[in-house]
Structures are given as C-alpha cells and as structure tokens.
Amino acid sequence: MKQSLSLRAGMALTMTPALQQAIRLLQLSSLDLQMEIQQALDSNLMLEAETDEPDWDSVASEPAPEAASDTDGALEEVTASETIPDDMPVDADWQDVFDDYAPSTSGSDDEGLQDYLQANLRSTGTLQEHLASQAQLLPVNERDAEIAANLIDAINEDGYLENWPELCVRLEQQFNVSPQQVEAVLRLVQDFDPPGVGARDLAECLRLQLLQLDSATPGHAAALRIVDGHLLLLARRDEAGLRRATGLDVATLRIGAALVRNLQPHPGRPFQAHESDYLKPDVIVAKKSGRWRVSLNPEHTPRLRINSHYQGFIKRADQSRDQLQLKQHLQEARYFINSLESRNETILRVSQCIIEEQRAFLEYGEEAMRPLVLRDVAEQLGIHESTVSRATANKYMLTPRGLYELKYFFSSHVQTTQGGVCSATAIQAMIKRMVGGEDPSRPLSDSTLADLLLKEGIQVARRTVAKYREALNIPPSHERKAIA
C-alpha cells in the first residue's frame, strides 16, 4: 500500500482550561466551592476577597510614572474581564443580592466555625467511659473486675454485647472460670446505667429495662409477656395473634404494648458523639411586588477581585521569570473570577426557570407540583441538559415553604383521566395526605389508595402506589395498623 500525506478540514470541540474550570466549579456544592475559593486565594497572589474596607496598601504605594506607562498595555491585554449583561433572561440582578445582604469576612467564618463545632458536638464521654466509671464502684475481686472490663470493651455503640459465644469461651479460658461466673459478672454490668446496656439481643435489652421499672407500673406484666417471645407479632401489629399467644384481654394488651414502645431499643445511642447537620441555601426565593424572585445567597458567593498592588508590578515588555509568573497568576485569577461569575449566573438562571415552572407549588403546596425534567429547563435556557444537571446537583433553595434541593422540583409525569399530566411528586403528596388522615384501626391498603387517586382523576396501578409509598418511607397497611 502506498503511503501519502493529505490535508482534511474538520471541526472538533476543544475543552479549554477555562471551560474545564467553569464546568468543575458549576457542579461543586457550596461547601466544596468555599474550599476551592480559599485554595485559590491561598495559591494565587493576584486574587483577593472584596471587603467594605478601602485598600490602603494600594493607595499608599502608587506606582511610579514609568511603571504605570509600562503596565497600561498589559492591563488592557490581561485583565479584561467579562461582565454580566443587564438584560439577563431572569427576574433577578446582582445589585439586589448585595443590597439585601452583607457578605461575611474570612475571619468571622473561622470564628463561626468554632462556635458551630462547640455548640453541636457532644461533650459527654463515650459509653465505655461511662460504664468503666461505674465498674470501678463494684464490690468485686480483681479477677471479676478484669472480666467486667473485657465485657465493657465488647459492648458496641448501640449498647449491645457483640459475639457473646466466642467472648464467653475466651473469658473462661483466660481467667480459668466457669460460664456461670462469667454470667454473674455480666448480670452486674447489665445493672449499669443506661438501662438495657450489655444485652445480647433486642428481647433481652427490653426485658432488662422492664425489670428496672417498678412492678406496679401499668402494663408491666403484660409488657414482660410480650417481650418474652412475641416481639415479631408486636412489630407486625397483629393484635389478634398477640391475644392468642399471650392470653391477655384487649385493654391489658394495649397498655403493655404501649409500654414496650416507650422503651429504648438502642440504649447506647445517647452517648454517641454526633453533629447536627445544617444546610445553607444556595438561592433564596421571596415574593416581591407580586412576583416570585430568586437571589443568590451572598454567603456562598463571595466577591473576588484582582489585587491592584501586585498588578502594578507587571511590565509588559519584561519577560523575566518573576514577570512571567505574575502574568500567569493574573491570567489564572481572571479565569477563576469569570468561571465563578458564570457559575453564579447559571445557577440563578436555572433557579429562576424552575420557579417560573413551579409557581403553583409556592402558592398551594406539593400537590400542585408540575411535572418537570431537565430537558424542559435546558430547552428554555438554550443550554445542555448536563449543564442543568450540574447546576442543580447538591444545590439547595430556600422557599417560604421550606428548604428544598433543586433536584426536588424535577419529577416524571403520570397521565390523568382528563387527558392531562400530573407530577409524581404531587401524587406522593396526595398519598401522604390520605395516609395521614386514615383510621389507625383500618389503614388504607395500596389498592384502596389507588382507587382514591382514581376518584381524583389520577389513574395509577397498585404497584406504582406501593413504589411511591416506599419512597415516602411509609410502611404497608398491616404495619400501620394500631394496636392501641
């Protein structure tokens, strides 16, 4: 085969570094964005956060006339930045955002973070520390004290004793004791606070708690009878089965079942260190002058600018190593600011489009939610679906009805009997309303819920109702049936 060279014209999309950075910033959550901004401020000397205070360094150190003349051309060439047009296709502007709210400074952010950690992290000791302090007060010999220490180490965070058969054999061999002696020490540990700790299963945990109650407690004997082998029937809310298994009358059975439900199935949970999760909205929705308007949360959109002090050191004709590094930092800073502004504008446009489509939800609630998919927003804004997906990922919107993830407003549609469409989210809201108003003694089955939805003009199959019910974490009807 003869080899030859030829020219061929073609078109291909090239991902420039600036475009890659804009795409990456768009899909970041607010927390990741703050970290990205802080990293950019730390690594790029040309970037600085805008504050209300004047830049005294740039005022005090004005460049010499010669340097100024050399940098005029460089500033026009390198620092040209794009501005957001005034006629944006959304009912929001930047001036409204920054007039209503004042951005926080980095210093107050650090102080606020420390206050947050101090307020939300539990300062109590662990469960093992709590149990060990009680074990020191036991009137036992040194061997039993070591056995108790080993038992406490084997208790998990929920308060249950793990791997009891293997643990019992190991303690017998290690301390040369009988199984009865290990059981005796275990009973001492099970008398510790919190009640139910050191149990080997759920039934024993509940029984330990009941035994620490006064025997005169209403329903005490019935609760013990239910716990001893009939928890599965209680979980199924099988009142008839419980009556047959326990031989109790209806009134006594219901009092005992209520007492069991008030017990703590995880006695170690209160000692687990936890942190309260707080979400801050990326966009805020409010009704102004009869229209729903969207604004960006200024806490998530800090204003960045070019450091004029370092910018004054750039000389256009100088190609030294330091000058090239300054120019590179300046170009990267300009790219970062433009990418950040592009991200904010895209999120603002997408959010405003969502609100325009879901205005009925803001006015009337979840049952008025309209079906909406990513393609609908992409076609209205003239952007790609992947851009809408990135703009709505891990972003939250604060509305008068609560805080919602932007993905919440997207749902598939179901045909109605009148020929229209209904949102899957609206159907779930209807199911939630129907279940909330049902008779606890006669809960609605999935078939009954499907019939009730059909009366409201929505035709869905029973399995679809079951899928929506499970998505709402609503148990089936036989588990919702109340015994008491």
Protein backbone atom coordinates (compact mmCIF):
# COMPACT_ATOMS: atom_id res chain seq x y z
CA MET A 1 0.00 0.00 0.00
CA LYS A 2 1.35 3.40 -0.97
CA GLN A 3 1.61 5.92 1.84
CA SER A 4 0.70 9.58 1.25
CA LEU A 5 0.03 12.79 3.14
CA SER A 6 -3.21 14.73 2.76
CA LEU A 7 -4.98 17.65 4.42
CA ARG A 8 -8.52 17.27 5.70
CA ALA A 9 -10.73 20.01 7.15
CA GLY A 10 -12.86 19.22 10.16
CA MET A 11 -14.49 20.64 13.28
CA ALA A 12 -13.97 19.43 16.84
CA LEU A 13 -14.88 20.75 20.26
CA THR A 14 -11.84 21.54 22.40
CA MET A 15 -12.11 21.76 26.17
CA THR A 16 -10.00 24.76 27.09
CA PRO A 17 -8.65 25.04 30.66
CA ALA A 18 -11.02 27.93 31.31
CA LEU A 19 -14.02 25.87 30.17
CA GLN A 20 -12.93 22.88 32.24
CA GLN A 21 -12.62 25.11 35.30
CA ALA A 22 -16.08 26.61 34.73
CA ILE A 23 -17.65 23.15 34.44
CA ARG A 24 -15.88 21.93 37.56
CA LEU A 25 -16.96 24.95 39.63
CA LEU A 26 -20.55 24.62 38.44
CA GLN A 27 -21.03 21.12 39.83
CA LEU A 28 -19.43 21.86 43.22
CA SER A 29 -21.59 22.12 46.31
CA SER A 30 -21.48 25.28 48.40
CA LEU A 31 -19.07 23.73 50.91
CA ASP A 32 -16.74 22.45 48.20
CA LEU A 33 -16.90 25.83 46.50
CA GLN A 34 -15.81 27.62 49.67
CA MET A 35 -12.84 25.29 49.94
CA GLU A 36 -12.00 25.85 46.27
CA ILE A 37 -12.16 29.61 46.68
CA GLN A 38 -9.99 29.53 49.78
CA GLN A 39 -7.45 27.35 47.99
CA ALA A 40 -7.38 29.80 45.08
CA LEU A 41 -6.88 32.74 47.45
CA ASP A 42 -4.01 30.94 49.16
CA SER A 43 -2.24 29.89 45.96
CA ASN A 44 -2.80 32.94 43.74
CA LEU A 45 -1.38 36.24 44.98
CA MET A 46 -3.40 38.17 42.39
CA LEU A 47 -6.69 37.12 43.95
CA GLU A 48 -8.23 38.77 46.99
CA ALA A 49 -11.67 38.86 48.56
CA GLU A 50 -13.53 42.14 48.36
CA THR A 51 -14.36 43.84 51.61
CA ASP A 52 -16.00 47.09 52.54
CA GLU A 53 -12.69 48.43 53.82
CA PRO A 54 -10.53 50.51 51.46
CA ASP A 55 -7.32 49.03 50.09
CA TRP A 56 -4.85 51.25 51.95
CA ASP A 57 -1.85 49.37 50.58
CA SER A 58 -2.72 50.24 47.01
CA VAL A 59 -3.46 53.85 47.97
CA ALA A 60 -0.20 54.31 49.88
CA SER A 61 2.04 52.61 47.32
CA GLU A 62 1.19 54.16 43.97
CA PRO A 63 3.42 53.01 41.09
CA ALA A 64 5.98 55.33 39.53
CA PRO A 65 5.01 57.10 36.32
CA GLU A 66 7.43 54.95 34.30
CA ALA A 67 5.98 51.74 35.66
CA ALA A 68 2.48 52.96 35.08
CA SER A 69 3.20 53.68 31.45
CA ASP A 70 4.66 50.22 31.04
CA THR A 71 1.69 48.48 32.55
CA ASP A 72 -1.08 50.27 30.67
CA GLY A 73 -0.95 47.91 27.75
CA ALA A 74 -0.54 44.85 29.94
CA LEU A 75 -3.62 45.69 31.96
CA GLU A 76 -5.75 46.04 28.86
CA GLU A 77 -4.44 42.81 27.47
CA VAL A 78 -4.53 40.53 30.51
CA THR A 79 -7.20 41.83 32.90
CA ALA A 80 -10.11 42.26 30.56
CA SER A 81 -13.00 40.52 32.29
CA GLU A 82 -16.45 39.66 31.17
CA THR A 83 -19.39 41.41 32.80
CA ILE A 84 -22.85 40.05 33.26
CA PRO A 85 -25.32 41.86 30.96
CA ASP A 86 -28.12 43.91 32.49
CA ASP A 87 -30.80 42.29 30.35
CA MET A 88 -30.47 38.85 31.88
CA PRO A 89 -33.31 36.43 30.99
CA VAL A 90 -34.17 36.10 34.67
CA ASP A 91 -36.04 38.28 37.10
CA ALA A 92 -33.00 38.93 39.29
CA ASP A 93 -29.90 41.08 39.29
CA TRP A 94 -26.69 41.23 41.26
CA GLN A 95 -27.43 44.61 42.84
CA ASP A 96 -30.49 43.22 44.58
CA VAL A 97 -28.43 40.42 46.09
CA PHE A 98 -25.70 42.55 47.59
CA ASP A 99 -28.02 45.33 48.73
CA ASP A 100 -30.10 42.97 50.82
CA TYR A 101 -27.23 41.09 52.41
CA ALA A 102 -23.71 41.82 53.57
CA PRO A 103 -21.03 39.19 52.79
CA SER A 104 -19.15 37.75 55.71
CA THR A 105 -15.39 38.03 56.03
CA SER A 106 -12.99 35.13 56.32
CA GLY A 107 -12.17 35.96 59.95
CA SER A 108 -15.77 35.75 61.07
CA ASP A 109 -16.13 32.49 59.14
CA ASP A 110 -13.37 30.90 61.21
CA GLU A 111 -14.92 32.14 64.45
CA GLY A 112 -18.35 30.97 63.34
CA LEU A 113 -16.98 27.53 62.53
CA GLN A 114 -15.52 27.17 66.01
CA ASP A 115 -18.79 28.31 67.60
CA TYR A 116 -20.67 25.82 65.44
CA LEU A 117 -18.44 22.92 66.47
CA GLN A 118 -18.65 23.82 70.15
CA ALA A 119 -22.44 24.12 70.00
CA ASN A 120 -23.15 20.93 68.08
CA LEU A 121 -20.54 18.42 69.18
CA ARG A 122 -21.46 16.49 72.32
CA SER A 123 -19.06 16.94 75.19
CA THR A 124 -20.16 13.83 77.09
CA GLY A 125 -17.88 10.83 77.37
CA THR A 126 -18.23 7.62 75.44
CA LEU A 127 -20.39 4.73 76.52
CA GLN A 128 -17.32 2.69 77.52
CA GLU A 129 -16.04 5.52 79.71
CA HIS A 130 -19.46 5.84 81.36
CA LEU A 131 -19.59 2.10 82.07
CA ALA A 132 -15.97 1.91 83.23
CA SER A 133 -16.58 4.61 85.84
CA GLN A 134 -19.45 2.52 87.25
CA ALA A 135 -17.38 -0.67 87.15
CA GLN A 136 -14.84 0.91 89.49
CA LEU A 137 -17.54 1.01 92.20
CA LEU A 138 -18.30 -2.72 92.01
CA PRO A 139 -17.53 -4.65 95.24
CA VAL A 140 -15.74 -7.49 93.37
CA ASN A 141 -12.28 -9.04 93.38
CA GLU A 142 -9.57 -8.21 90.85
CA ARG A 143 -10.41 -11.13 88.58
CA ASP A 144 -14.10 -10.21 88.27
CA ALA A 145 -13.12 -6.59 87.72
CA GLU A 146 -10.99 -7.62 84.72
CA ILE A 147 -13.82 -9.76 83.38
CA ALA A 148 -16.15 -6.75 83.66
CA ALA A 149 -13.61 -4.61 81.83
CA ASN A 150 -13.48 -7.14 78.97
CA LEU A 151 -17.27 -7.26 78.80
CA ILE A 152 -17.46 -3.47 78.64
CA ASP A 153 -14.93 -3.39 75.80
CA ALA A 154 -17.12 -5.82 73.83
CA ILE A 155 -20.21 -3.58 74.03
CA ASN A 156 -20.85 -1.72 70.78
CA GLU A 157 -22.03 1.87 70.31
CA ASP A 158 -25.69 0.83 70.47
CA GLY A 159 -25.16 -0.76 73.88
CA TYR A 160 -25.28 -4.43 72.81
CA LEU A 161 -22.77 -7.14 73.66
CA GLU A 162 -21.18 -8.49 70.48
CA ASN A 163 -20.04 -12.06 69.74
CA TRP A 164 -21.18 -13.43 73.10
CA PRO A 165 -20.46 -17.17 72.49
CA GLU A 166 -16.86 -16.54 71.40
CA LEU A 167 -16.37 -13.94 74.12
CA CYS A 168 -17.66 -16.23 76.86
CA VAL A 169 -15.32 -19.06 75.81
CA ARG A 170 -12.35 -16.72 75.66
CA LEU A 171 -13.02 -15.30 79.13
CA GLU A 172 -13.43 -18.82 80.56
CA GLN A 173 -10.05 -19.85 79.22
CA GLN A 174 -8.28 -16.58 80.03
CA PHE A 175 -9.39 -16.37 83.66
CA ASN A 176 -9.99 -20.09 84.28
CA VAL A 177 -13.58 -19.59 85.38
CA SER A 178 -16.88 -21.33 84.71
CA PRO A 179 -19.60 -20.00 82.36
CA GLN A 180 -21.76 -19.33 85.40
CA GLN A 181 -19.13 -16.98 86.84
CA VAL A 182 -18.94 -15.03 83.57
CA GLU A 183 -22.73 -14.80 83.52
CA ALA A 184 -22.72 -13.49 87.09
CA VAL A 185 -20.33 -10.66 86.17
CA LEU A 186 -22.40 -9.92 83.07
CA ARG A 187 -25.52 -9.50 85.20
CA LEU A 188 -23.66 -6.93 87.28
CA VAL A 189 -22.74 -4.99 84.12
CA GLN A 190 -26.33 -5.19 82.86
CA ASP A 191 -27.45 -3.37 86.02
CA PHE A 192 -25.42 -0.32 84.97
CA ASP A 193 -26.79 2.87 83.53
CA PRO A 194 -28.21 3.22 80.88
CA PRO A 195 -30.91 0.59 81.38
CA GLY A 196 -30.69 -2.25 78.88
CA VAL A 197 -26.94 -1.97 78.29
CA GLY A 198 -24.97 -5.19 77.83
CA ALA A 199 -27.88 -7.09 76.32
CA ARG A 200 -27.20 -9.81 73.77
CA ASP A 201 -30.35 -9.23 71.71
CA LEU A 202 -33.33 -6.90 71.48
CA ALA A 203 -35.61 -9.01 73.64
CA GLU A 204 -33.06 -9.10 76.48
CA CYS A 205 -32.46 -5.36 76.14
CA LEU A 206 -36.16 -4.59 76.55
CA ARG A 207 -36.53 -7.11 79.36
CA LEU A 208 -33.68 -5.51 81.29
CA GLN A 209 -35.35 -2.14 81.03
CA LEU A 210 -38.67 -3.53 82.19
CA LEU A 211 -37.06 -5.26 85.18
CA GLN A 212 -35.62 -1.93 86.32
CA LEU A 213 -39.11 -0.41 86.34
CA ASP A 214 -41.47 -0.60 89.28
CA SER A 215 -43.58 -3.73 89.06
CA ALA A 216 -46.62 -1.56 89.83
CA THR A 217 -46.19 0.27 86.53
CA PRO A 218 -49.39 -0.12 84.46
CA GLY A 219 -48.92 -2.84 81.84
CA HIS A 220 -45.65 -4.10 83.38
CA ALA A 221 -46.61 -7.78 83.49
CA ALA A 222 -48.20 -7.63 80.04
CA ALA A 223 -45.11 -5.97 78.60
CA LEU A 224 -42.87 -8.71 80.01
CA ARG A 225 -45.11 -11.36 78.47
CA ILE A 226 -44.98 -9.61 75.08
CA VAL A 227 -41.19 -9.25 75.17
CA ASP A 228 -40.71 -12.94 76.03
CA GLY A 229 -41.07 -14.37 72.54
CA HIS A 230 -43.77 -12.22 70.91
CA LEU A 231 -41.89 -9.17 69.60
CA LEU A 232 -42.41 -10.23 65.99
CA LEU A 233 -46.18 -10.16 66.43
CA LEU A 234 -45.89 -6.73 68.03
CA ALA A 235 -43.82 -5.48 65.10
CA ARG A 236 -46.48 -6.76 62.72
CA ARG A 237 -49.20 -5.07 64.81
CA ASP A 238 -51.02 -8.39 64.89
CA GLU A 239 -53.38 -7.76 67.80
CA ALA A 240 -55.34 -10.96 67.30
CA GLY A 241 -52.15 -13.02 67.22
CA LEU A 242 -50.85 -11.35 70.38
CA ARG A 243 -54.11 -12.05 72.20
CA ARG A 244 -53.93 -15.72 71.26
CA ALA A 245 -50.22 -16.01 72.18
CA THR A 246 -50.35 -14.15 75.49
CA GLY A 247 -53.91 -14.84 76.62
CA LEU A 248 -54.38 -11.18 77.57
CA ASP A 249 -57.54 -9.16 77.09
CA VAL A 250 -57.60 -6.25 74.66
CA ALA A 251 -57.27 -3.45 77.23
CA THR A 252 -54.34 -5.04 79.10
CA LEU A 253 -52.61 -5.98 75.85
CA ARG A 254 -52.78 -2.43 74.53
CA ILE A 255 -51.36 -0.95 77.75
CA GLY A 256 -48.48 -3.45 77.70
CA ALA A 257 -47.77 -2.81 74.01
CA ALA A 258 -47.66 0.94 74.63
CA LEU A 259 -45.17 0.40 77.47
CA VAL A 260 -42.89 -1.68 75.22
CA ARG A 261 -42.94 1.00 72.54
CA ASN A 262 -41.75 3.58 75.05
CA LEU A 263 -38.58 1.61 75.80
CA GLN A 264 -35.20 2.39 74.22
CA PRO A 265 -34.10 -0.29 71.73
CA HIS A 266 -30.64 1.32 71.44
CA PRO A 267 -29.52 2.26 74.96
CA GLY A 268 -26.09 3.41 73.80
CA ARG A 269 -27.33 5.93 71.25
CA PRO A 270 -27.44 8.92 73.65
CA PHE A 271 -23.71 8.51 74.26
CA GLN A 272 -22.72 8.55 70.59
CA ALA A 273 -20.92 11.72 69.53
CA HIS A 274 -22.96 13.35 66.85
CA GLU A 275 -23.04 16.61 64.98
CA SER A 276 -26.14 18.42 63.88
CA ASP A 277 -26.32 18.81 60.12
CA TYR A 278 -27.25 22.28 58.94
CA LEU A 279 -27.80 23.20 55.32
CA LYS A 280 -27.45 26.69 53.95
CA PRO A 281 -29.38 27.57 50.80
CA ASP A 282 -27.59 28.46 47.60
CA VAL A 283 -30.54 30.51 46.36
CA ILE A 284 -33.34 32.30 48.19
CA VAL A 285 -36.88 32.70 46.86
CA ALA A 286 -39.13 35.53 48.01
CA LYS A 287 -42.24 37.21 46.69
CA LYS A 288 -41.67 40.87 45.82
CA SER A 289 -44.24 43.13 44.19
CA GLY A 290 -46.47 40.15 43.42
CA ARG A 291 -43.71 38.18 41.65
CA TRP A 292 -41.54 35.32 42.82
CA ARG A 293 -37.92 36.36 42.60
CA VAL A 294 -34.71 34.43 43.08
CA SER A 295 -31.49 35.76 44.58
CA LEU A 296 -28.18 34.12 45.34
CA ASN A 297 -27.14 33.59 48.92
CA PRO A 298 -24.26 36.08 49.37
CA GLU A 299 -22.60 33.81 51.94
CA HIS A 300 -21.92 31.35 49.12
CA THR A 301 -20.98 33.97 46.53
CA PRO A 302 -18.04 35.95 47.89
CA ARG A 303 -16.83 38.79 45.70
CA LEU A 304 -13.30 38.37 44.42
CA ARG A 305 -11.10 40.92 42.68
CA ILE A 306 -7.63 41.38 41.29
CA ASN A 307 -5.07 42.66 43.79
CA SER A 308 -4.19 46.07 42.39
CA HIS A 309 -0.96 46.26 44.40
CA TYR A 310 0.61 43.20 42.75
CA GLN A 311 -1.00 44.07 39.44
CA GLY A 312 1.02 47.26 39.36
CA PHE A 313 4.27 45.31 39.27
CA ILE A 314 3.52 43.80 35.86
CA LYS A 315 5.58 45.23 32.99
CA ARG A 316 4.56 44.34 29.51
CA ALA A 317 8.00 44.24 27.93
CA ASP A 318 9.67 42.41 30.80
CA GLN A 319 9.95 38.66 30.14
CA SER A 320 11.82 37.70 33.30
CA ARG A 321 10.83 34.68 35.34
CA ASP A 322 9.11 36.73 38.03
CA GLN A 323 7.18 38.75 35.46
CA LEU A 324 6.01 35.62 33.66
CA GLN A 325 4.82 34.18 36.94
CA LEU A 326 2.93 37.36 37.78
CA LYS A 327 1.27 37.35 34.35
CA GLN A 328 0.34 33.71 34.74
CA HIS A 329 -1.21 34.37 38.15
CA LEU A 330 -3.10 37.31 36.71
CA GLN A 331 -4.47 35.25 33.85
CA GLU A 332 -5.49 32.41 36.20
CA ALA A 333 -7.17 34.91 38.52
CA ARG A 334 -9.14 36.36 35.63
CA TYR A 335 -10.22 32.86 34.54
CA PHE A 336 -11.27 31.98 38.08
CA ILE A 337 -13.33 35.14 38.57
CA ASN A 338 -15.03 34.66 35.20
CA SER A 339 -15.75 30.99 35.98
CA LEU A 340 -17.20 31.94 39.35
CA GLU A 341 -19.44 34.60 37.80
CA SER A 342 -20.52 32.13 35.11
CA ARG A 343 -21.41 29.59 37.80
CA ASN A 344 -23.49 32.09 39.74
CA GLU A 345 -25.28 33.27 36.63
CA THR A 346 -26.11 29.73 35.52
CA ILE A 347 -27.45 28.73 38.94
CA LEU A 348 -29.51 31.92 39.04
CA ARG A 349 -30.98 31.34 35.59
CA VAL A 350 -31.79 27.69 36.26
CA SER A 351 -33.36 28.50 39.63
CA GLN A 352 -35.49 31.26 38.17
CA CYS A 353 -36.67 28.92 35.41
CA ILE A 354 -37.61 26.30 37.99
CA ILE A 355 -39.59 28.83 39.99
CA GLU A 356 -41.42 30.04 36.90
CA GLU A 357 -42.48 26.45 36.21
CA GLN A 358 -43.30 25.59 39.82
CA ARG A 359 -45.10 28.79 40.80
CA ALA A 360 -48.16 26.77 41.75
CA PHE A 361 -46.10 24.80 44.26
CA LEU A 362 -45.09 28.01 46.04
CA GLU A 363 -48.68 29.17 46.13
CA TYR A 364 -50.55 25.96 47.00
CA GLY A 365 -48.10 23.27 48.12
CA GLU A 366 -46.73 19.93 46.99
CA GLU A 367 -49.95 18.66 45.46
CA ALA A 368 -49.74 21.48 42.92
CA MET A 369 -46.26 20.45 41.75
CA ARG A 370 -45.99 20.31 37.96
CA PRO A 371 -44.04 17.62 36.10
CA LEU A 372 -40.61 18.91 35.08
CA VAL A 373 -37.50 17.29 33.63
CA LEU A 374 -34.01 18.57 32.89
CA ARG A 375 -34.75 18.80 29.18
CA ASP A 376 -37.54 21.32 29.77
CA VAL A 377 -35.22 23.73 31.57
CA ALA A 378 -32.40 23.15 29.07
CA GLU A 379 -34.65 24.00 26.13
CA GLN A 380 -35.95 27.18 27.73
CA LEU A 381 -32.48 28.47 28.61
CA GLY A 382 -30.76 27.22 25.47
CA ILE A 383 -28.16 25.16 27.35
CA HIS A 384 -27.30 21.48 27.53
CA GLU A 385 -29.06 19.08 29.89
CA SER A 386 -25.73 18.21 31.52
CA THR A 387 -25.31 21.89 32.43
CA VAL A 388 -28.70 21.89 34.15
CA SER A 389 -27.79 18.68 35.95
CA ARG A 390 -24.54 20.18 37.24
CA ALA A 391 -26.25 23.43 38.24
CA THR A 392 -28.84 21.57 40.34
CA ALA A 393 -26.56 18.94 41.90
CA ASN A 394 -26.10 19.45 45.67
CA LYS A 395 -27.71 22.91 45.50
CA TYR A 396 -30.49 23.99 47.84
CA MET A 397 -33.27 26.55 47.56
CA LEU A 398 -34.91 28.35 50.48
CA THR A 399 -38.60 29.00 49.84
CA PRO A 400 -41.44 30.19 52.10
CA ARG A 401 -42.46 26.52 52.26
CA GLY A 402 -39.08 25.27 53.44
CA LEU A 403 -35.62 24.28 52.25
CA TYR A 404 -35.52 22.01 49.21
CA GLU A 405 -32.84 20.55 46.99
CA LEU A 406 -33.11 21.81 43.43
CA LYS A 407 -33.44 18.20 42.25
CA TYR A 408 -36.67 18.00 44.26
CA PHE A 409 -38.51 20.14 41.72
CA PHE A 410 -37.88 17.64 38.92
CA SER A 411 -40.20 14.68 38.61
CA SER A 412 -41.77 12.47 35.98
CA HIS A 413 -45.39 12.76 34.90
CA VAL A 414 -48.43 10.50 35.07
CA GLN A 415 -51.41 10.74 32.75
CA THR A 416 -54.74 11.79 34.26
CA THR A 417 -58.20 10.62 33.27
CA GLN A 418 -58.93 14.06 31.79
CA GLY A 419 -56.01 13.74 29.37
CA GLY A 420 -53.60 15.94 31.32
CA VAL A 421 -50.48 15.10 33.28
CA CYS A 422 -49.69 15.08 36.98
CA SER A 423 -46.35 15.19 38.72
CA ALA A 424 -45.11 12.13 40.59
CA THR A 425 -44.23 14.44 43.50
CA ALA A 426 -47.82 15.65 43.63
CA ILE A 427 -49.08 12.06 43.70
CA GLN A 428 -46.74 11.27 46.59
CA ALA A 429 -48.09 14.30 48.45
CA MET A 430 -51.64 13.02 47.90
CA ILE A 431 -50.71 9.59 49.21
CA LYS A 432 -49.08 11.18 52.25
CA ARG A 433 -52.23 13.22 52.89
CA MET A 434 -54.51 10.18 52.56
CA VAL A 435 -52.38 8.04 54.87
CA GLY A 436 -52.17 10.89 57.39
CA GLY A 437 -55.95 11.09 57.59
CA GLU A 438 -56.70 7.36 57.70
CA ASP A 439 -58.30 5.49 60.57
CA PRO A 440 -55.43 3.88 62.55
CA SER A 441 -57.55 0.81 63.22
CA ARG A 442 -58.34 0.42 59.49
CA PRO A 443 -55.34 1.66 57.48
CA LEU A 444 -55.65 2.14 53.74
CA SER A 445 -54.19 -0.58 51.53
CA ASP A 446 -52.34 0.16 48.31
CA SER A 447 -55.37 -0.90 46.28
CA THR A 448 -57.60 1.44 48.27
CA LEU A 449 -55.14 4.30 47.76
CA ALA A 450 -55.15 3.61 44.01
CA ASP A 451 -58.98 3.77 44.00
CA LEU A 452 -58.96 7.05 45.93
CA LEU A 453 -56.45 8.54 43.49
CA LEU A 454 -58.65 7.41 40.58
CA LYS A 455 -61.56 9.35 42.09
CA GLU A 456 -59.33 12.45 41.98
CA GLY A 457 -58.62 11.86 38.29
CA ILE A 458 -55.24 10.11 38.58
CA GLN A 459 -55.02 6.58 37.25
CA VAL A 460 -52.08 4.67 38.71
CA ALA A 461 -51.52 0.97 39.28
CA ARG A 462 -51.33 -0.57 42.73
CA ARG A 463 -47.62 -1.37 42.30
CA THR A 464 -47.00 2.28 41.42
CA VAL A 465 -48.73 3.34 44.62
CA ALA A 466 -46.57 0.86 46.53
CA LYS A 467 -43.43 2.34 44.94
CA TYR A 468 -44.42 5.89 45.88
CA ARG A 469 -45.38 4.77 49.39
CA GLU A 470 -41.99 3.14 49.90
CA ALA A 471 -40.27 6.27 48.61
CA LEU A 472 -42.05 8.19 51.38
CA ASN A 473 -40.89 5.63 53.97
CA ILE A 474 -44.49 4.75 54.77
CA PRO A 475 -44.87 1.14 55.96
CA PRO A 476 -47.54 -1.12 54.43
CA SER A 477 -51.05 -1.16 55.86
CA HIS A 478 -50.58 -4.20 58.10
CA GLU A 479 -47.66 -2.47 59.83
CA ARG A 480 -49.58 0.79 60.20
CA LYS A 481 -52.48 -0.83 61.97
CA ALA A 482 -52.59 0.45 65.53
CA ILE A 483 -52.97 -1.94 68.44
CA ALA A 484 -53.65 0.78 70.98
